[in-house]
PDB file of N, CA and C in Angstrom:
ATOM      1  N   MET A   1       2.887 -43.455 -17.084  1.00  0.00           N
ATOM      2  CA  MET A   1       3.987 -42.549 -17.319  1.00  0.00           C
ATOM      3  C   MET A   1       3.563 -41.391 -18.230  1.00  0.00           C
ATOM      4  N   ARG A   2       2.784 -41.722 -19.251  1.00  0.00           N
ATOM      5  CA  ARG A   2       2.312 -40.699 -20.179  1.00  0.00           C
ATOM      6  C   ARG A   2       1.395 -39.703 -19.459  1.00  0.00           C
ATOM      7  N   ASN A   3       0.567 -40.213 -18.560  1.00  0.00           N
ATOM      8  CA  ASN A   3      -0.336 -39.363 -17.776  1.00  0.00           C
ATOM      9  C   ASN A   3       0.462 -38.413 -16.882  1.00  0.00           C
ATOM     10  N   LEU A   4       1.530 -38.892 -16.297  1.00  0.00           N
ATOM     11  CA  LEU A   4       2.380 -38.059 -15.443  1.00  0.00           C
ATOM     12  C   LEU A   4       3.013 -36.927 -16.244  1.00  0.00           C
ATOM     13  N   LEU A   5       3.484 -37.236 -17.448  1.00  0.00           N
ATOM     14  CA  LEU A   5       4.083 -36.214 -18.312  1.00  0.00           C
ATOM     15  C   LEU A   5       3.057 -35.167 -18.721  1.00  0.00           C
ATOM     16  N   LYS A   6       1.830 -35.618 -19.037  1.00  0.00           N
ATOM     17  CA  LYS A   6       0.768 -34.676 -19.405  1.00  0.00           C
ATOM     18  C   LYS A   6       0.443 -33.735 -18.244  1.00  0.00           C
ATOM     19  N   ARG A   7       0.355 -34.293 -17.037  1.00  0.00           N
ATOM     20  CA  ARG A   7       0.067 -33.451 -15.864  1.00  0.00           C
ATOM     21  C   ARG A   7       1.202 -32.460 -15.616  1.00  0.00           C
ATOM     22  N   PHE A   8       2.449 -32.898 -15.799  1.00  0.00           N
ATOM     23  CA  PHE A   8       3.589 -32.016 -15.579  1.00  0.00           C
ATOM     24  C   PHE A   8       3.580 -30.857 -16.569  1.00  0.00           C
ATOM     25  N   LEU A   9       3.316 -31.139 -17.833  1.00  0.00           N
ATOM     26  CA  LEU A   9       3.301 -30.095 -18.853  1.00  0.00           C
ATOM     27  C   LEU A   9       2.121 -29.146 -18.698  1.00  0.00           C
ATOM     28  N   ALA A  10       1.014 -29.616 -18.138  1.00  0.00           N
ATOM     29  CA  ALA A  10      -0.175 -28.781 -17.949  1.00  0.00           C
ATOM     30  C   ALA A  10      -0.128 -27.968 -16.663  1.00  0.00           C
ATOM     31  N   ASP A  11       0.810 -28.257 -15.775  1.00  0.00           N
ATOM     32  CA  ASP A  11       0.882 -27.568 -14.481  1.00  0.00           C
ATOM     33  C   ASP A  11       1.303 -26.119 -14.685  1.00  0.00           C
ATOM     34  N   GLN A  12       0.514 -25.188 -14.164  1.00  0.00           N
ATOM     35  CA  GLN A  12       0.775 -23.756 -14.296  1.00  0.00           C
ATOM     36  C   GLN A  12       1.161 -23.111 -12.967  1.00  0.00           C
ATOM     37  N   ALA A  13       1.442 -23.889 -11.955  1.00  0.00           N
ATOM     38  CA  ALA A  13       1.672 -23.355 -10.610  1.00  0.00           C
ATOM     39  C   ALA A  13       2.900 -22.469 -10.539  1.00  0.00           C
ATOM     40  N   GLY A  14       3.955 -22.798 -11.234  1.00  0.00           N
ATOM     41  CA  GLY A  14       5.186 -22.006 -11.152  1.00  0.00           C
ATOM     42  C   GLY A  14       5.183 -20.782 -12.035  1.00  0.00           C
ATOM     43  N   ALA A  15       4.234 -20.687 -12.961  1.00  0.00           N
ATOM     44  CA  ALA A  15       4.215 -19.570 -13.902  1.00  0.00           C
ATOM     45  C   ALA A  15       4.002 -18.236 -13.179  1.00  0.00           C
ATOM     46  N   THR A  16       3.157 -18.217 -12.182  1.00  0.00           N
ATOM     47  CA  THR A  16       2.878 -16.967 -11.461  1.00  0.00           C
ATOM     48  C   THR A  16       4.123 -16.483 -10.717  1.00  0.00           C
ATOM     49  N   ALA A  17       4.850 -17.395 -10.111  1.00  0.00           N
ATOM     50  CA  ALA A  17       6.059 -17.004  -9.393  1.00  0.00           C
ATOM     51  C   ALA A  17       7.094 -16.435 -10.351  1.00  0.00           C
ATOM     52  N   ILE A  18       7.204 -17.023 -11.531  1.00  0.00           N
ATOM     53  CA  ILE A  18       8.151 -16.509 -12.522  1.00  0.00           C
ATOM     54  C   ILE A  18       7.724 -15.128 -12.992  1.00  0.00           C
ATOM     55  N   GLU A  19       6.445 -14.918 -13.207  1.00  0.00           N
ATOM     56  CA  GLU A  19       5.951 -13.606 -13.628  1.00  0.00           C
ATOM     57  C   GLU A  19       6.233 -12.546 -12.566  1.00  0.00           C
ATOM     58  N   TYR A  20       5.979 -12.878 -11.302  1.00  0.00           N
ATOM     59  CA  TYR A  20       6.273 -11.925 -10.230  1.00  0.00           C
ATOM     60  C   TYR A  20       7.767 -11.631 -10.154  1.00  0.00           C
ATOM     61  N   GLY A  21       8.586 -12.629 -10.388  1.00  0.00           N
ATOM     62  CA  GLY A  21      10.032 -12.414 -10.401  1.00  0.00           C
ATOM     63  C   GLY A  21      10.455 -11.473 -11.514  1.00  0.00           C
ATOM     64  N   LEU A  22       9.871 -11.630 -12.698  1.00  0.00           N
ATOM     65  CA  LEU A  22      10.193 -10.738 -13.815  1.00  0.00           C
ATOM     66  C   LEU A  22       9.728  -9.308 -13.542  1.00  0.00           C
ATOM     67  N   ILE A  23       8.564  -9.170 -12.935  1.00  0.00           N
ATOM     68  CA  ILE A  23       8.072  -7.826 -12.590  1.00  0.00           C
ATOM     69  C   ILE A  23       8.998  -7.177 -11.568  1.00  0.00           C
ATOM     70  N   ALA A  24       9.412  -7.932 -10.554  1.00  0.00           N
ATOM     71  CA  ALA A  24      10.320  -7.385  -9.542  1.00  0.00           C
ATOM     72  C   ALA A  24      11.658  -6.997 -10.154  1.00  0.00           C
ATOM     73  N   ALA A  25      12.147  -7.789 -11.091  1.00  0.00           N
ATOM     74  CA  ALA A  25      13.412  -7.458 -11.757  1.00  0.00           C
ATOM     75  C   ALA A  25      13.276  -6.177 -12.575  1.00  0.00           C
ATOM     76  N   GLY A  26      12.153  -6.015 -13.250  1.00  0.00           N
ATOM     77  CA  GLY A  26      11.922  -4.793 -14.028  1.00  0.00           C
ATOM     78  C   GLY A  26      11.855  -3.557 -13.145  1.00  0.00           C
ATOM     79  N   ILE A  27      11.176  -3.674 -12.015  1.00  0.00           N
ATOM     80  CA  ILE A  27      11.084  -2.552 -11.088  1.00  0.00           C
ATOM     81  C   ILE A  27      12.455  -2.224 -10.517  1.00  0.00           C
ATOM     82  N   ALA A  28      13.235  -3.257 -10.203  1.00  0.00           N
ATOM     83  CA  ALA A  28      14.580  -3.034  -9.669  1.00  0.00           C
ATOM     84  C   ALA A  28      15.460  -2.314 -10.683  1.00  0.00           C
ATOM     85  N   LEU A  29      15.366  -2.685 -11.947  1.00  0.00           N
ATOM     86  CA  LEU A  29      16.155  -2.006 -12.985  1.00  0.00           C
ATOM     87  C   LEU A  29      15.739  -0.538 -13.122  1.00  0.00           C
ATOM     88  N   ALA A  30      14.450  -0.272 -13.035  1.00  0.00           N
ATOM     89  CA  ALA A  30      13.975   1.111 -13.118  1.00  0.00           C
ATOM     90  C   ALA A  30      14.488   1.933 -11.935  1.00  0.00           C
ATOM     91  N   ILE A  31      14.473   1.360 -10.748  1.00  0.00           N
ATOM     92  CA  ILE A  31      14.972   2.069  -9.563  1.00  0.00           C
ATOM     93  C   ILE A  31      16.469   2.329  -9.689  1.00  0.00           C
ATOM     94  N   ILE A  32      17.219   1.339 -10.157  1.00  0.00           N
ATOM     95  CA  ILE A  32      18.664   1.518 -10.321  1.00  0.00           C
ATOM     96  C   ILE A  32      18.961   2.619 -11.322  1.00  0.00           C
ATOM     97  N   ALA A  33      18.231   2.649 -12.428  1.00  0.00           N
ATOM     98  CA  ALA A  33      18.445   3.691 -13.434  1.00  0.00           C
ATOM     99  C   ALA A  33      18.124   5.072 -12.872  1.00  0.00           C
ATOM    100  N   ALA A  34      17.029   5.180 -12.116  1.00  0.00           N
ATOM    101  CA  ALA A  34      16.639   6.472 -11.543  1.00  0.00           C
ATOM    102  C   ALA A  34      17.658   6.949 -10.520  1.00  0.00           C
ATOM    103  N   VAL A  35      18.115   6.066  -9.665  1.00  0.00           N
ATOM    104  CA  VAL A  35      19.086   6.435  -8.629  1.00  0.00           C
ATOM    105  C   VAL A  35      20.426   6.803  -9.272  1.00  0.00           C
ATOM    106  N   ASN A  36      20.801   6.089 -10.310  1.00  0.00           N
ATOM    107  CA  ASN A  36      22.054   6.393 -10.994  1.00  0.00           C
ATOM    108  C   ASN A  36      22.002   7.785 -11.618  1.00  0.00           C
ATOM    109  N   GLY A  37      20.916   8.115 -12.280  1.00  0.00           N
ATOM    110  CA  GLY A  37      20.771   9.445 -12.867  1.00  0.00           C
ATOM    111  C   GLY A  37      20.707  10.534 -11.816  1.00  0.00           C
ATOM    112  N   LEU A  38      20.004  10.286 -10.737  1.00  0.00           N
ATOM    113  CA  LEU A  38      19.896  11.255  -9.653  1.00  0.00           C
ATOM    114  C   LEU A  38      21.246  11.463  -8.981  1.00  0.00           C
ATOM    115  N   GLY A  39      22.009  10.386  -8.838  1.00  0.00           N
ATOM    116  CA  GLY A  39      23.327  10.491  -8.216  1.00  0.00           C
ATOM    117  C   GLY A  39      24.273  11.348  -9.033  1.00  0.00           C
ATOM    118  N   SER A  40      24.218  11.230 -10.345  1.00  0.00           N
ATOM    119  CA  SER A  40      25.061  12.058 -11.214  1.00  0.00           C
ATOM    120  C   SER A  40      24.685  13.527 -11.086  1.00  0.00           C
ATOM    121  N   ASN A  41      23.391  13.801 -11.045  1.00  0.00           N
ATOM    122  CA  ASN A  41      22.943  15.194 -10.904  1.00  0.00           C
ATOM    123  C   ASN A  41      23.356  15.768  -9.549  1.00  0.00           C
ATOM    124  N   LEU A  42      23.209  14.996  -8.496  1.00  0.00           N
ATOM    125  CA  LEU A  42      23.588  15.474  -7.167  1.00  0.00           C
ATOM    126  C   LEU A  42      25.090  15.703  -7.066  1.00  0.00           C
ATOM    127  N   ASN A  43      25.869  14.869  -7.705  1.00  0.00           N
ATOM    128  CA  ASN A  43      27.315  15.046  -7.699  1.00  0.00           C
ATOM    129  C   ASN A  43      27.675  16.386  -8.343  1.00  0.00           C
ATOM    130  N   GLY A  44      27.005  16.726  -9.435  1.00  0.00           N
ATOM    131  CA  GLY A  44      27.249  18.024 -10.080  1.00  0.00           C
ATOM    132  C   GLY A  44      26.860  19.186  -9.191  1.00  0.00           C
ATOM    133  N   VAL A  45      25.751  19.064  -8.500  1.00  0.00           N
ATOM    134  CA  VAL A  45      25.290  20.125  -7.606  1.00  0.00           C
ATOM    135  C   VAL A  45      26.275  20.317  -6.452  1.00  0.00           C
ATOM    136  N   PHE A  46      26.703  19.228  -5.833  1.00  0.00           N
ATOM    137  CA  PHE A  46      27.632  19.341  -4.710  1.00  0.00           C
ATOM    138  C   PHE A  46      28.992  19.867  -5.152  1.00  0.00           C
ATOM    139  N   THR A  47      29.417  19.509  -6.342  1.00  0.00           N
ATOM    140  CA  THR A  47      30.670  20.043  -6.869  1.00  0.00           C
ATOM    141  C   THR A  47      30.551  21.553  -7.087  1.00  0.00           C
ATOM    142  N   SER A  48      29.427  21.979  -7.615  1.00  0.00           N
ATOM    143  CA  SER A  48      29.199  23.411  -7.832  1.00  0.00           C
ATOM    144  C   SER A  48      29.168  24.174  -6.509  1.00  0.00           C
ATOM    145  N   VAL A  49      28.505  23.619  -5.524  1.00  0.00           N
ATOM    146  CA  VAL A  49      28.445  24.269  -4.205  1.00  0.00           C
ATOM    147  C   VAL A  49      29.833  24.317  -3.584  1.00  0.00           C
ATOM    148  N   ASN A  50      30.574  23.234  -3.710  1.00  0.00           N
ATOM    149  CA  ASN A  50      31.930  23.185  -3.155  1.00  0.00           C
ATOM    150  C   ASN A  50      32.824  24.241  -3.801  1.00  0.00           C
ATOM    151  N   ASN A  51      32.722  24.391  -5.122  1.00  0.00           N
ATOM    152  CA  ASN A  51      33.529  25.385  -5.797  1.00  0.00           C
ATOM    153  C   ASN A  51      33.116  26.806  -5.424  1.00  0.00           C
ATOM    154  N   SER A  52      31.842  27.017  -5.189  1.00  0.00           N
ATOM    155  CA  SER A  52      31.358  28.339  -4.802  1.00  0.00           C
ATOM    156  C   SER A  52      31.824  28.708  -3.395  1.00  0.00           C
ATOM    157  N   LEU A  53      31.966  27.743  -2.510  1.00  0.00           N
ATOM    158  CA  LEU A  53      32.363  28.028  -1.136  1.00  0.00           C
ATOM    159  C   LEU A  53      33.862  28.266  -0.998  1.00  0.00           C
ATOM    160  N   LYS A  54      34.635  27.856  -1.987  1.00  0.00           N
ATOM    161  CA  LYS A  54      36.091  28.016  -1.875  1.00  0.00           C
ATOM    162  C   LYS A  54      36.490  29.431  -2.012  1.00  0.00           C
TER     163      LYS A  54
END
């Protein structure tokens, strides 16, 4: 039983998957922030164009 616990604690197989998940989450947050900022800027541009055409 003690040997099984030692092997379980020493197992590093899932660590890589967790790291890739954290990297993907970070990239997703960066994309969301960029799109959100770009969307606000585009909304201002389209509002300005709309007002100019009236």
